[in-house]
Amino acid sequence: MSTSANPTSRRAPAHLGRLDAVGYLICLGGIVRRELLRFFNQKERFFSAMVRPLVWLFIFAAGFRNTLGVSIEPPYQTYVLYEVYVVPGLAVMIQLFNGMQSSLSMVYDREVGSMKVLLTSPYPRWLLLLAKLIAGVSVSVVQAYAFLAVAWFWETDIPPLGYLAALPAFLASGLMLGAIGLFLSSLVRQLENFASVMNFVIFPMFFASSALYPLWRIRESSETLYWICQCNPFTHAVQLVRFALYGQFEPVACAVVVGTTLAFFTLAVVAYDPGRGIMARRGGPAGDNA
């Protein structure tokens, strides 16, 4: 009687090593799980993301309440206090900073981390970038709803169903901001250069938008600045979330957000393609160090 083990008992699962749908899902799930574990293990990252919007809500909004009162405009049915107006914009601001931070980690991972290995794997680049994008959006949505939970004690008057209705809007805005960040990460060769790029992107996008003040007030001051704000995709992300929180749909904002997401994600995929994009001119995912 043979004592050798049955060869079939040592056989690996059929889907391992295969570039099929199951393998794609395993790769996607692994990257998303890694990003979520990193987020939950870095509690200081969560609290630091909450500081900025809470400072705006509790300090600046209280000081500007009488100066920057908001008149009746959609989606609001009556006059609203300034702190009520800024809550959607501050929630999307969390996603903006998270998208840039996720791209910062992408620059690091691309050079010396796990993405350096993954980018040389047989899995297509679009799948790896999509997994990284979905992982970042998952984290940003958790942070945004945590902020809304705190803002609820500030009497922001958001309908209960609005929190559920806003989930697709938060997912769409997170995907858009994450796609922009992914593309920016492909343009940066070294980690220390990304901080300066973030400053040139985050603050103009945030302040030149409808996050802190309605566009009609900006138009009263400067027609040029008004059109700059209208061309800013962050403005439309804020408006999409703002309308969704009050049970309404803004089709123009949705079209701009979806279109911007597709455009920048496509640019990111091309830029990370070793045969055609920016990475090809750098000699691979490790940039000049490759």
Protein backbone atom coordinates (compact mmCIF):
# COMPACT_ATOMS: atom_id res chain seq x y z
CA MET A 1 0.00 0.00 0.00
CA SER A 2 1.49 3.33 -1.07
CA THR A 3 2.17 5.87 1.62
CA SER A 4 2.41 8.80 -0.77
CA ALA A 5 -0.26 11.46 -0.40
CA ASN A 6 -2.91 11.86 -3.00
CA PRO A 7 -1.61 14.36 -5.59
CA THR A 8 -5.05 15.93 -5.92
CA SER A 9 -5.05 16.82 -2.22
CA ARG A 10 -2.11 19.17 -2.78
CA ARG A 11 -3.49 20.74 -5.89
CA ALA A 12 -3.95 24.51 -5.69
CA PRO A 13 -7.37 26.01 -6.31
CA ALA A 14 -8.15 26.22 -9.99
CA HIS A 15 -8.54 30.00 -10.01
CA LEU A 16 -5.08 30.76 -8.58
CA GLY A 17 -2.68 32.08 -11.18
CA ARG A 18 -5.43 32.53 -13.76
CA LEU A 19 -6.37 35.90 -15.21
CA ASP A 20 -10.09 35.21 -15.14
CA ALA A 21 -13.01 36.91 -13.42
CA VAL A 22 -12.38 35.10 -10.13
CA GLY A 23 -8.72 36.11 -10.17
CA TYR A 24 -9.70 39.72 -10.89
CA LEU A 25 -12.07 39.73 -7.93
CA ILE A 26 -9.41 38.26 -5.63
CA CYS A 27 -6.94 40.95 -6.71
CA LEU A 28 -9.56 43.67 -6.29
CA GLY A 29 -10.63 42.40 -2.87
CA GLY A 30 -7.05 42.06 -1.67
CA ILE A 31 -6.12 45.65 -2.51
CA VAL A 32 -9.36 47.05 -1.02
CA ARG A 33 -8.92 44.96 2.15
CA ARG A 34 -5.31 46.12 2.53
CA GLU A 35 -6.30 49.78 2.25
CA LEU A 36 -9.15 49.41 4.75
CA LEU A 37 -6.89 47.62 7.24
CA ARG A 38 -4.32 50.36 6.86
CA PHE A 39 -6.99 52.97 7.55
CA PHE A 40 -8.43 51.27 10.64
CA ASN A 41 -4.93 50.64 12.02
CA GLN A 42 -4.01 54.30 11.62
CA LYS A 43 -6.51 55.98 13.91
CA GLU A 44 -4.62 59.27 13.83
CA ARG A 45 -5.37 59.41 10.10
CA PHE A 46 -9.08 59.34 10.86
CA PHE A 47 -8.94 62.06 13.49
CA SER A 48 -6.70 64.31 11.40
CA ALA A 49 -9.18 64.06 8.52
CA MET A 50 -11.98 65.21 10.87
CA VAL A 51 -10.13 68.24 12.24
CA ARG A 52 -10.30 70.44 9.14
CA PRO A 53 -14.07 70.25 8.48
CA LEU A 54 -14.94 70.46 12.17
CA VAL A 55 -12.87 73.61 12.57
CA TRP A 56 -14.73 75.17 9.66
CA LEU A 57 -18.09 74.07 11.02
CA PHE A 58 -17.69 74.94 14.70
CA ILE A 59 -15.49 78.04 14.48
CA PHE A 60 -15.60 79.73 11.08
CA ALA A 61 -19.25 79.00 10.40
CA ALA A 62 -20.24 80.36 13.80
CA GLY A 63 -18.27 83.54 13.15
CA PHE A 64 -19.62 84.03 9.63
CA ARG A 65 -23.24 83.16 10.48
CA ASN A 66 -24.52 86.73 10.31
CA THR A 67 -22.12 87.93 7.64
CA LEU A 68 -22.66 85.13 5.11
CA GLY A 69 -26.32 84.26 5.51
CA VAL A 70 -27.62 82.28 2.53
CA SER A 71 -30.81 83.25 0.73
CA ILE A 72 -33.34 80.81 -0.69
CA GLU A 73 -31.84 78.74 -3.50
CA PRO A 74 -32.14 75.10 -4.55
CA PRO A 75 -32.13 72.62 -2.93
CA TYR A 76 -33.15 74.67 0.12
CA GLN A 77 -36.80 75.63 0.55
CA THR A 78 -36.17 78.49 2.94
CA TYR A 79 -33.40 80.65 4.31
CA VAL A 80 -30.65 78.57 5.89
CA LEU A 81 -27.87 79.35 8.30
CA TYR A 82 -24.32 79.43 7.00
CA GLU A 83 -23.31 76.30 8.93
CA VAL A 84 -26.17 74.40 7.27
CA TYR A 85 -24.96 75.51 3.84
CA VAL A 86 -21.31 74.51 4.30
CA VAL A 87 -21.88 70.96 5.62
CA PRO A 88 -22.08 69.27 2.16
CA GLY A 89 -18.99 71.11 0.96
CA LEU A 90 -17.02 70.17 4.06
CA ALA A 91 -18.02 66.52 3.67
CA VAL A 92 -16.74 66.50 0.09
CA MET A 93 -13.62 68.32 1.27
CA ILE A 94 -12.83 65.23 3.33
CA GLN A 95 -13.00 63.19 0.14
CA LEU A 96 -10.77 65.69 -1.64
CA PHE A 97 -8.04 65.45 0.98
CA ASN A 98 -8.43 61.67 1.20
CA GLY A 99 -8.11 61.35 -2.57
CA MET A 100 -4.88 63.32 -2.54
CA GLN A 101 -3.58 61.37 0.47
CA SER A 102 -4.38 58.09 -1.24
CA SER A 103 -2.46 59.30 -4.27
CA LEU A 104 0.44 60.23 -2.01
CA SER A 105 0.53 56.67 -0.72
CA MET A 106 0.35 55.52 -4.34
CA VAL A 107 3.56 57.41 -5.10
CA TYR A 108 5.25 55.71 -2.14
CA ASP A 109 3.88 52.24 -2.95
CA ARG A 110 4.87 52.64 -6.57
CA GLU A 111 8.48 53.28 -5.60
CA VAL A 112 9.15 50.93 -2.68
CA GLY A 113 5.81 49.44 -1.59
CA SER A 114 3.38 46.79 -2.68
CA MET A 115 2.24 48.56 -5.84
CA LYS A 116 5.77 48.29 -7.24
CA VAL A 117 5.29 44.53 -7.25
CA LEU A 118 1.67 44.64 -8.40
CA LEU A 119 2.47 46.92 -11.33
CA THR A 120 4.80 44.22 -12.66
CA SER A 121 2.20 41.46 -12.23
CA PRO A 122 0.26 40.04 -15.19
CA TYR A 123 -2.92 41.76 -14.00
CA PRO A 124 -3.94 44.68 -16.23
CA ARG A 125 -3.07 48.16 -15.05
CA TRP A 126 -6.67 49.35 -15.20
CA LEU A 127 -7.68 46.67 -12.69
CA LEU A 128 -4.92 47.57 -10.25
CA LEU A 129 -5.70 51.28 -10.49
CA LEU A 130 -9.43 50.66 -10.20
CA ALA A 131 -8.86 48.57 -7.07
CA LYS A 132 -6.72 51.33 -5.57
CA LEU A 133 -9.41 53.86 -6.49
CA ILE A 134 -12.26 51.83 -4.95
CA ALA A 135 -10.22 51.29 -1.80
CA GLY A 136 -9.65 55.02 -1.41
CA VAL A 137 -13.32 55.80 -2.03
CA SER A 138 -14.39 53.27 0.62
CA VAL A 139 -12.23 55.04 3.19
CA SER A 140 -13.41 58.52 2.17
CA VAL A 141 -17.10 57.58 2.41
CA VAL A 142 -16.60 56.26 5.94
CA GLN A 143 -14.89 59.53 6.90
CA ALA A 144 -17.58 61.67 5.27
CA TYR A 145 -20.42 59.91 7.10
CA ALA A 146 -18.52 60.16 10.37
CA PHE A 147 -18.37 63.92 9.83
CA LEU A 148 -22.09 64.06 9.03
CA ALA A 149 -22.80 62.15 12.25
CA VAL A 150 -20.94 64.81 14.24
CA ALA A 151 -22.55 67.64 12.25
CA TRP A 152 -26.00 66.23 13.11
CA PHE A 153 -25.53 67.51 16.68
CA TRP A 154 -25.02 70.97 15.19
CA GLU A 155 -28.63 70.97 13.91
CA THR A 156 -27.79 70.90 10.22
CA ASP A 157 -31.41 70.00 9.32
CA ILE A 158 -30.59 67.18 6.89
CA PRO A 159 -33.60 64.88 6.34
CA PRO A 160 -33.08 61.31 7.62
CA LEU A 161 -33.57 59.82 4.14
CA GLY A 162 -31.03 62.29 2.79
CA TYR A 163 -28.19 60.39 4.41
CA LEU A 164 -29.12 57.28 2.44
CA ALA A 165 -29.87 59.18 -0.77
CA ALA A 166 -26.46 60.84 -0.63
CA LEU A 167 -24.52 57.56 -0.66
CA PRO A 168 -24.39 57.27 -4.51
CA ALA A 169 -23.38 60.93 -4.69
CA PHE A 170 -20.54 60.39 -2.21
CA LEU A 171 -19.39 57.35 -4.18
CA ALA A 172 -19.42 59.33 -7.43
CA SER A 173 -17.60 62.32 -5.97
CA GLY A 174 -15.06 60.07 -4.28
CA LEU A 175 -14.36 58.27 -7.54
CA MET A 176 -13.89 61.56 -9.36
CA LEU A 177 -11.49 63.03 -6.80
CA GLY A 178 -9.62 59.74 -6.51
CA ALA A 179 -9.24 59.53 -10.30
CA ILE A 180 -7.79 63.05 -10.38
CA GLY A 181 -5.37 62.06 -7.63
CA LEU A 182 -4.33 58.90 -9.47
CA PHE A 183 -3.49 60.89 -12.57
CA LEU A 184 -1.50 63.42 -10.55
CA SER A 185 0.44 60.60 -8.91
CA SER A 186 1.57 59.47 -12.36
CA LEU A 187 3.10 62.90 -13.00
CA VAL A 188 5.24 62.95 -9.86
CA ARG A 189 8.62 61.22 -9.90
CA GLN A 190 9.59 61.60 -6.26
CA LEU A 191 7.57 61.45 -3.06
CA GLU A 192 8.82 64.77 -1.71
CA ASN A 193 7.55 66.61 -4.80
CA PHE A 194 3.97 65.48 -4.32
CA ALA A 195 3.29 67.76 -1.34
CA SER A 196 3.81 70.87 -3.45
CA VAL A 197 1.57 69.46 -6.17
CA MET A 198 -1.15 68.80 -3.58
CA ASN A 199 -1.07 72.44 -2.45
CA PHE A 200 -1.48 73.67 -6.02
CA VAL A 201 -4.48 71.38 -6.53
CA ILE A 202 -6.35 71.07 -3.24
CA PHE A 203 -6.68 74.68 -2.17
CA PRO A 204 -7.66 76.19 -5.55
CA MET A 205 -10.20 73.41 -6.08
CA PHE A 206 -11.70 73.87 -2.63
CA PHE A 207 -11.86 77.65 -2.38
CA ALA A 208 -12.84 78.27 -6.03
CA SER A 209 -16.05 76.29 -5.62
CA SER A 210 -19.50 76.43 -4.07
CA ALA A 211 -18.34 74.60 -0.95
CA LEU A 212 -18.14 77.68 1.29
CA TYR A 213 -20.35 80.24 -0.46
CA PRO A 214 -23.06 80.18 -3.13
CA LEU A 215 -21.99 80.98 -6.67
CA TRP A 216 -24.35 83.92 -7.00
CA ARG A 217 -22.36 85.74 -4.32
CA ILE A 218 -19.16 85.08 -6.24
CA ARG A 219 -20.79 86.35 -9.42
CA GLU A 220 -21.66 89.61 -7.69
CA SER A 221 -17.96 90.13 -6.97
CA SER A 222 -16.30 88.75 -10.11
CA GLU A 223 -17.76 87.32 -13.29
CA THR A 224 -14.42 85.73 -14.18
CA LEU A 225 -14.11 83.98 -10.83
CA TYR A 226 -17.70 82.79 -11.17
CA TRP A 227 -16.91 80.99 -14.44
CA ILE A 228 -13.73 79.55 -12.96
CA CYS A 229 -15.87 78.08 -10.19
CA GLN A 230 -18.34 76.75 -12.74
CA CYS A 231 -15.54 74.98 -14.61
CA ASN A 232 -14.20 73.49 -11.37
CA PRO A 233 -15.30 69.82 -11.13
CA PHE A 234 -15.19 70.07 -7.34
CA THR A 235 -18.08 72.55 -7.52
CA HIS A 236 -20.23 69.98 -9.27
CA ALA A 237 -19.24 67.25 -6.81
CA VAL A 238 -20.38 69.50 -3.95
CA GLN A 239 -23.64 70.33 -5.72
CA LEU A 240 -24.33 66.66 -6.44
CA VAL A 241 -23.92 65.79 -2.75
CA ARG A 242 -25.80 68.89 -1.60
CA PHE A 243 -28.87 68.09 -3.69
CA ALA A 244 -28.73 64.39 -2.78
CA LEU A 245 -28.70 65.16 0.95
CA TYR A 246 -32.07 66.86 0.46
CA GLY A 247 -33.55 64.13 -1.71
CA GLN A 248 -33.00 65.86 -5.06
CA PHE A 249 -31.00 65.04 -8.17
CA GLU A 250 -28.79 67.50 -10.05
CA PRO A 251 -28.32 66.12 -13.59
CA VAL A 252 -25.70 68.64 -14.76
CA ALA A 253 -23.53 68.03 -11.71
CA CYS A 254 -23.89 64.26 -12.17
CA ALA A 255 -22.85 64.47 -15.84
CA VAL A 256 -19.79 66.58 -15.01
CA VAL A 257 -18.72 64.27 -12.17
CA VAL A 258 -19.11 61.09 -14.24
CA GLY A 259 -17.40 62.62 -17.27
CA THR A 260 -14.49 63.93 -15.20
CA THR A 261 -14.08 60.55 -13.52
CA LEU A 262 -13.91 58.69 -16.82
CA ALA A 263 -11.54 61.23 -18.35
CA PHE A 264 -9.01 61.28 -15.51
CA PHE A 265 -9.16 57.53 -14.89
CA THR A 266 -8.47 56.93 -18.57
CA LEU A 267 -5.55 59.37 -18.41
CA ALA A 268 -4.21 57.59 -15.32
CA VAL A 269 -4.41 54.18 -17.01
CA VAL A 270 -2.58 55.51 -20.06
CA ALA A 271 0.02 57.27 -17.89
CA TYR A 272 0.73 54.08 -15.94
CA ASP A 273 0.89 51.95 -19.10
CA PRO A 274 4.58 50.92 -19.45
CA GLY A 275 4.24 50.79 -23.22
CA ARG A 276 2.56 54.12 -23.93
CA GLY A 277 2.32 56.44 -20.97
CA ILE A 278 4.48 58.54 -18.70
CA MET A 279 5.83 55.48 -16.91
CA ALA A 280 7.31 54.26 -20.20
CA ARG A 281 9.45 57.40 -20.47
CA ARG A 282 10.68 56.81 -16.91
CA GLY A 283 11.70 53.23 -17.46
CA GLY A 284 9.02 51.53 -15.34
CA PRO A 285 7.01 51.97 -12.15
CA ALA A 286 9.99 52.88 -10.06
CA GLY A 287 10.68 56.01 -12.07
CA ASP A 288 14.25 57.15 -12.24
CA ASN A 289 15.27 54.56 -9.71
CA ALA A 290 14.28 51.69 -11.98
